[in-house]
Amino acid sequence: MRMTKKLILAAGTCLLALSACGHKTDAAENVAAAADNTADVMEDNAAAVRDMGDNLSANVEAKMDNRADRIENNADAVRAAGENQADAIDKAAKKK
Protein backbone atom coordinates (compact mmCIF):
# COMPACT_ATOMS: atom_id res chain seq x y z
CA MET A 1 0.00 0.00 0.00
CA ARG A 2 2.78 2.40 0.88
CA MET A 3 4.62 1.50 -2.32
CA THR A 4 1.54 2.46 -4.35
CA LYS A 5 1.46 5.85 -2.65
CA LYS A 6 5.14 6.35 -3.41
CA LEU A 7 4.60 5.47 -7.06
CA ILE A 8 1.69 7.90 -7.27
CA LEU A 9 3.83 10.54 -5.58
CA ALA A 10 6.67 9.93 -8.04
CA ALA A 11 4.30 10.13 -11.00
CA GLY A 12 2.77 13.33 -9.64
CA THR A 13 6.22 14.81 -9.11
CA CYS A 14 7.17 14.00 -12.70
CA LEU A 15 3.97 15.58 -14.00
CA LEU A 16 4.55 18.63 -11.85
CA ALA A 17 8.10 18.91 -13.14
CA LEU A 18 6.86 18.66 -16.71
CA SER A 19 4.20 21.27 -16.11
CA ALA A 20 6.84 23.60 -14.67
CA CYS A 21 8.58 23.61 -18.04
CA GLY A 22 5.71 25.61 -19.45
CA HIS A 23 6.36 28.80 -17.42
CA LYS A 24 7.35 31.84 -19.41
CA THR A 25 9.75 33.51 -16.97
CA ASP A 26 12.62 32.36 -14.82
CA ALA A 27 10.94 33.87 -11.77
CA ALA A 28 7.83 31.76 -12.36
CA GLU A 29 10.03 28.68 -12.84
CA ASN A 30 11.82 29.44 -9.55
CA VAL A 31 8.55 29.88 -7.66
CA ALA A 32 7.15 26.64 -9.05
CA ALA A 33 10.40 24.78 -8.27
CA ALA A 34 10.50 26.17 -4.72
CA ALA A 35 6.89 25.16 -4.14
CA ASP A 36 7.64 21.70 -5.52
CA ASN A 37 10.68 21.32 -3.26
CA THR A 38 8.70 22.49 -0.22
CA ALA A 39 5.89 20.06 -1.02
CA ASP A 40 8.45 17.22 -1.36
CA VAL A 41 9.88 18.01 2.07
CA MET A 42 6.40 18.15 3.57
CA GLU A 43 5.51 14.77 2.06
CA ASP A 44 8.77 13.30 3.38
CA ASN A 45 7.90 14.65 6.82
CA ALA A 46 4.43 13.10 6.59
CA ALA A 47 5.99 9.73 5.74
CA ALA A 48 8.37 10.08 8.69
CA VAL A 49 5.44 10.83 11.01
CA ARG A 50 3.65 7.73 9.76
CA ASP A 51 6.78 5.65 10.32
CA MET A 52 7.12 7.05 13.84
CA GLY A 53 3.48 6.14 14.48
CA ASP A 54 4.14 2.59 13.30
CA ASN A 55 7.17 2.32 15.57
CA LEU A 56 5.29 3.76 18.55
CA SER A 57 2.44 1.35 17.98
CA ALA A 58 4.85 -1.57 17.95
CA ASN A 59 6.51 -0.31 21.15
CA VAL A 60 3.19 0.16 22.92
CA GLU A 61 2.02 -3.27 21.83
CA ALA A 62 5.23 -4.87 23.12
CA LYS A 63 4.90 -3.06 26.46
CA MET A 64 1.27 -4.15 26.83
CA ASP A 65 2.21 -7.74 25.99
CA ASN A 66 4.92 -7.66 28.66
CA ARG A 67 2.49 -6.20 31.19
CA ALA A 68 -0.09 -8.87 30.36
CA ASP A 69 2.58 -11.57 30.75
CA ARG A 70 3.50 -10.22 34.20
CA ILE A 71 -0.16 -10.20 35.26
CA GLU A 72 -0.59 -13.78 34.04
CA ASN A 73 2.56 -14.82 35.90
CA ASN A 74 1.22 -13.19 39.06
CA ALA A 75 -2.11 -14.97 38.59
CA ASP A 76 -0.25 -18.28 38.27
CA ALA A 77 1.67 -17.49 41.47
CA VAL A 78 -1.56 -16.69 43.34
CA ARG A 79 -3.14 -19.91 42.08
CA ALA A 80 -0.08 -21.94 43.12
CA ALA A 81 -0.01 -20.28 46.55
CA GLY A 82 -3.70 -21.09 47.01
CA GLU A 83 -3.08 -24.73 46.09
CA ASN A 84 -0.16 -24.88 48.53
CA GLN A 85 -2.33 -23.46 51.33
CA ALA A 86 -5.14 -25.89 50.50
CA ASP A 87 -2.67 -28.78 50.57
CA ALA A 88 -1.33 -27.57 53.93
CA ILE A 89 -4.88 -27.40 55.34
CA ASP A 90 -5.61 -30.93 54.10
CA LYS A 91 -2.36 -32.19 55.60
CA ALA A 92 -3.12 -30.55 58.94
CA ALA A 93 -6.63 -32.03 58.93
CA LYS A 94 -5.28 -35.55 58.38
CA LYS A 95 -3.06 -35.27 61.45
CA LYS A 96 -6.04 -34.71 63.73
C-alpha atoms as a PDB file:
ATOM      1  CA  MET A   1       0.000   0.000   0.000  1.00  0.00           C
ATOM      2  CA  ARG A   2       2.776   2.401   0.880  1.00  0.00           C
ATOM      3  CA  MET A   3       4.620   1.501  -2.318  1.00  0.00           C
ATOM      4  CA  THR A   4       1.543   2.459  -4.347  1.00  0.00           C
ATOM      5  CA  LYS A   5       1.461   5.849  -2.649  1.00  0.00           C
ATOM      6  CA  LYS A   6       5.140   6.354  -3.408  1.00  0.00           C
ATOM      7  CA  LEU A   7       4.598   5.469  -7.062  1.00  0.00           C
ATOM      8  CA  ILE A   8       1.688   7.898  -7.274  1.00  0.00           C
ATOM      9  CA  LEU A   9       3.827  10.541  -5.582  1.00  0.00           C
ATOM     10  CA  ALA A  10       6.668   9.930  -8.037  1.00  0.00           C
ATOM     11  CA  ALA A  11       4.302  10.135 -11.005  1.00  0.00           C
ATOM     12  CA  GLY A  12       2.774  13.334  -9.637  1.00  0.00           C
ATOM     13  CA  THR A  13       6.220  14.814  -9.115  1.00  0.00           C
ATOM     14  CA  CYS A  14       7.169  14.001 -12.701  1.00  0.00           C
ATOM     15  CA  LEU A  15       3.975  15.579 -13.995  1.00  0.00           C
ATOM     16  CA  LEU A  16       4.548  18.633 -11.855  1.00  0.00           C
ATOM     17  CA  ALA A  17       8.103  18.913 -13.143  1.00  0.00           C
ATOM     18  CA  LEU A  18       6.862  18.660 -16.709  1.00  0.00           C
ATOM     19  CA  SER A  19       4.203  21.273 -16.107  1.00  0.00           C
ATOM     20  CA  ALA A  20       6.838  23.596 -14.667  1.00  0.00           C
ATOM     21  CA  CYS A  21       8.582  23.611 -18.038  1.00  0.00           C
ATOM     22  CA  GLY A  22       5.712  25.607 -19.455  1.00  0.00           C
ATOM     23  CA  HIS A  23       6.364  28.795 -17.423  1.00  0.00           C
ATOM     24  CA  LYS A  24       7.350  31.836 -19.414  1.00  0.00           C
ATOM     25  CA  THR A  25       9.752  33.512 -16.970  1.00  0.00           C
ATOM     26  CA  ASP A  26      12.618  32.357 -14.817  1.00  0.00           C
ATOM     27  CA  ALA A  27      10.936  33.871 -11.766  1.00  0.00           C
ATOM     28  CA  ALA A  28       7.830  31.760 -12.365  1.00  0.00           C
ATOM     29  CA  GLU A  29      10.029  28.678 -12.836  1.00  0.00           C
ATOM     30  CA  ASN A  30      11.818  29.441  -9.552  1.00  0.00           C
ATOM     31  CA  VAL A  31       8.553  29.881  -7.661  1.00  0.00           C
ATOM     32  CA  ALA A  32       7.154  26.636  -9.052  1.00  0.00           C
ATOM     33  CA  ALA A  33      10.399  24.784  -8.268  1.00  0.00           C
ATOM     34  CA  ALA A  34      10.499  26.173  -4.724  1.00  0.00           C
ATOM     35  CA  ALA A  35       6.889  25.158  -4.137  1.00  0.00           C
ATOM     36  CA  ASP A  36       7.639  21.696  -5.525  1.00  0.00           C
ATOM     37  CA  ASN A  37      10.678  21.316  -3.260  1.00  0.00           C
ATOM     38  CA  THR A  38       8.703  22.492  -0.221  1.00  0.00           C
ATOM     39  CA  ALA A  39       5.893  20.056  -1.021  1.00  0.00           C
ATOM     40  CA  ASP A  40       8.451  17.220  -1.359  1.00  0.00           C
ATOM     41  CA  VAL A  41       9.881  18.007   2.065  1.00  0.00           C
ATOM     42  CA  MET A  42       6.399  18.154   3.569  1.00  0.00           C
ATOM     43  CA  GLU A  43       5.515  14.766   2.056  1.00  0.00           C
ATOM     44  CA  ASP A  44       8.773  13.301   3.376  1.00  0.00           C
ATOM     45  CA  ASN A  45       7.896  14.646   6.821  1.00  0.00           C
ATOM     46  CA  ALA A  46       4.431  13.103   6.593  1.00  0.00           C
ATOM     47  CA  ALA A  47       5.991   9.733   5.742  1.00  0.00           C
ATOM     48  CA  ALA A  48       8.372  10.084   8.692  1.00  0.00           C
ATOM     49  CA  VAL A  49       5.445  10.834  11.007  1.00  0.00           C
ATOM     50  CA  ARG A  50       3.650   7.728   9.756  1.00  0.00           C
ATOM     51  CA  ASP A  51       6.781   5.648  10.324  1.00  0.00           C
ATOM     52  CA  MET A  52       7.118   7.050  13.844  1.00  0.00           C
ATOM     53  CA  GLY A  53       3.484   6.137  14.484  1.00  0.00           C
ATOM     54  CA  ASP A  54       4.137   2.593  13.298  1.00  0.00           C
ATOM     55  CA  ASN A  55       7.169   2.321  15.571  1.00  0.00           C
ATOM     56  CA  LEU A  56       5.295   3.759  18.548  1.00  0.00           C
ATOM     57  CA  SER A  57       2.436   1.348  17.984  1.00  0.00           C
ATOM     58  CA  ALA A  58       4.848  -1.567  17.954  1.00  0.00           C
ATOM     59  CA  ASN A  59       6.510  -0.312  21.151  1.00  0.00           C
ATOM     60  CA  VAL A  60       3.188   0.160  22.919  1.00  0.00           C
ATOM     61  CA  GLU A  61       2.022  -3.271  21.830  1.00  0.00           C
ATOM     62  CA  ALA A  62       5.228  -4.871  23.123  1.00  0.00           C
ATOM     63  CA  LYS A  63       4.896  -3.063  26.461  1.00  0.00           C
ATOM     64  CA  MET A  64       1.269  -4.147  26.825  1.00  0.00           C
ATOM     65  CA  ASP A  65       2.214  -7.738  25.986  1.00  0.00           C
ATOM     66  CA  ASN A  66       4.915  -7.655  28.655  1.00  0.00           C
ATOM     67  CA  ARG A  67       2.494  -6.197  31.189  1.00  0.00           C
ATOM     68  CA  ALA A  68      -0.091  -8.870  30.364  1.00  0.00           C
ATOM     69  CA  ASP A  69       2.578 -11.565  30.745  1.00  0.00           C
ATOM     70  CA  ARG A  70       3.500 -10.221  34.198  1.00  0.00           C
ATOM     71  CA  ILE A  71      -0.159 -10.200  35.256  1.00  0.00           C
ATOM     72  CA  GLU A  72      -0.593 -13.776  34.043  1.00  0.00           C
ATOM     73  CA  ASN A  73       2.555 -14.823  35.901  1.00  0.00           C
ATOM     74  CA  ASN A  74       1.216 -13.188  39.064  1.00  0.00           C
ATOM     75  CA  ALA A  75      -2.108 -14.969  38.589  1.00  0.00           C
ATOM     76  CA  ASP A  76      -0.251 -18.277  38.267  1.00  0.00           C
ATOM     77  CA  ALA A  77       1.674 -17.491  41.470  1.00  0.00           C
ATOM     78  CA  VAL A  78      -1.561 -16.694  43.338  1.00  0.00           C
ATOM     79  CA  ARG A  79      -3.136 -19.908  42.076  1.00  0.00           C
ATOM     80  CA  ALA A  80      -0.085 -21.941  43.124  1.00  0.00           C
ATOM     81  CA  ALA A  81      -0.012 -20.277  46.554  1.00  0.00           C
ATOM     82  CA  GLY A  82      -3.704 -21.093  47.009  1.00  0.00           C
ATOM     83  CA  GLU A  83      -3.081 -24.732  46.094  1.00  0.00           C
ATOM     84  CA  ASN A  84      -0.159 -24.883  48.531  1.00  0.00           C
ATOM     85  CA  GLN A  85      -2.328 -23.465  51.330  1.00  0.00           C
ATOM     86  CA  ALA A  86      -5.135 -25.886  50.504  1.00  0.00           C
ATOM     87  CA  ASP A  87      -2.666 -28.780  50.571  1.00  0.00           C
ATOM     88  CA  ALA A  88      -1.330 -27.569  53.931  1.00  0.00           C
ATOM     89  CA  ILE A  89      -4.881 -27.402  55.341  1.00  0.00           C
ATOM     90  CA  ASP A  90      -5.611 -30.926  54.100  1.00  0.00           C
ATOM     91  CA  LYS A  91      -2.364 -32.190  55.595  1.00  0.00           C
ATOM     92  CA  ALA A  92      -3.124 -30.546  58.936  1.00  0.00           C
ATOM     93  CA  ALA A  93      -6.635 -32.033  58.927  1.00  0.00           C
ATOM     94  CA  LYS A  94      -5.278 -35.552  58.378  1.00  0.00           C
ATOM     95  CA  LYS A  95      -3.058 -35.270  61.445  1.00  0.00           C
ATOM     96  CA  LYS A  96      -6.036 -34.714  63.734  1.00  0.00           C
END
